[in-house]
Amino acid sequence: MATIKVIQNGPYCVEGGDVTAVDWNGAAYPVAKRPFYLCRCGQSANKPFCDGTHGKAGFKAAEAAADPPVK
């Protein structure tokens, strides 16, 4: 099972052995180690993976887990 953790003011941490990172064309990205981190600041030079640039860029995220919408 995979788990995606939102790191406060940082990347998404993806844990689990059954995860494949795939681009919009269906091509898989090689992921050498677990966990791996996906950029959410948009500044990484190694997209879609995080390279730590969010710290230098002063990235501040507003989102946190919220209750699902009531239907």
Protein backbone atom coordinates (compact mmCIF):
# COMPACT_ATOMS: atom_id res chain seq x y z
CA MET A 1 0.00 0.00 0.00
CA ALA A 2 1.20 3.51 -0.81
CA THR A 3 1.07 6.51 1.46
CA ILE A 4 1.44 10.13 0.36
CA LYS A 5 2.32 12.56 3.12
CA VAL A 6 2.10 16.31 2.67
CA ILE A 7 5.20 17.86 4.22
CA GLN A 8 4.44 21.28 5.71
CA ASN A 9 5.88 23.90 3.33
CA GLY A 10 7.64 21.11 1.47
CA PRO A 11 7.14 18.25 -0.97
CA TYR A 12 4.85 15.25 -1.09
CA CYS A 13 6.52 12.21 0.51
CA VAL A 14 5.56 9.01 -1.31
CA GLU A 15 6.10 5.77 0.62
CA GLY A 16 5.37 2.20 -0.38
CA GLY A 17 6.84 -0.36 -2.72
CA ASP A 18 3.92 -0.61 -5.10
CA VAL A 19 4.14 2.93 -6.51
CA THR A 20 5.15 4.02 -10.00
CA ALA A 21 5.63 7.66 -11.00
CA VAL A 22 4.18 8.11 -14.51
CA ASP A 23 4.11 11.21 -16.75
CA TRP A 24 1.15 12.40 -18.84
CA ASN A 25 2.32 10.28 -21.78
CA GLY A 26 2.36 7.10 -19.70
CA ALA A 27 6.16 6.91 -19.45
CA ALA A 28 7.40 5.72 -16.07
CA TYR A 29 10.06 7.70 -14.21
CA PRO A 30 12.80 5.60 -12.64
CA VAL A 31 12.61 5.83 -8.85
CA ALA A 32 15.83 4.56 -7.30
CA LYS A 33 14.88 4.66 -3.63
CA ARG A 34 11.97 4.85 -1.24
CA PRO A 35 10.54 7.02 0.03
CA PHE A 36 10.66 9.54 -2.79
CA TYR A 37 9.56 13.16 -2.77
CA LEU A 38 7.49 15.02 -5.36
CA CYS A 39 7.90 18.78 -5.83
CA ARG A 40 4.93 20.98 -5.09
CA CYS A 41 6.60 24.39 -5.08
CA GLY A 42 7.26 24.30 -8.84
CA GLN A 43 10.89 25.39 -8.47
CA SER A 44 12.73 22.04 -8.56
CA ALA A 45 15.34 21.54 -11.28
CA ASN A 46 14.57 17.80 -11.07
CA LYS A 47 10.79 17.84 -11.63
CA PRO A 48 8.65 16.01 -10.79
CA PHE A 49 10.98 15.17 -7.92
CA CYS A 50 11.92 17.52 -5.10
CA ASP A 51 15.49 18.84 -4.98
CA GLY A 52 15.07 20.97 -1.83
CA THR A 53 14.64 24.28 -3.65
CA HIS A 54 11.40 24.97 -1.73
CA GLY A 55 13.53 25.95 1.28
CA LYS A 56 15.60 28.49 -0.67
CA ALA A 57 12.49 29.78 -2.45
CA GLY A 58 10.60 30.32 0.81
CA PHE A 59 7.68 28.14 -0.30
CA LYS A 60 4.67 28.45 2.02
CA ALA A 61 1.76 26.09 1.43
CA ALA A 62 -1.75 26.98 2.51
CA GLU A 63 -3.38 23.58 2.22
CA ALA A 64 -3.82 20.94 4.86
CA ALA A 65 -6.10 17.93 5.05
CA ALA A 66 -9.71 19.08 5.11
CA ASP A 67 -13.02 17.35 5.64
CA PRO A 68 -14.51 15.98 2.42
CA PRO A 69 -17.37 18.00 0.94
CA VAL A 70 -20.84 17.06 2.14
CA LYS A 71 -22.98 15.62 -0.65
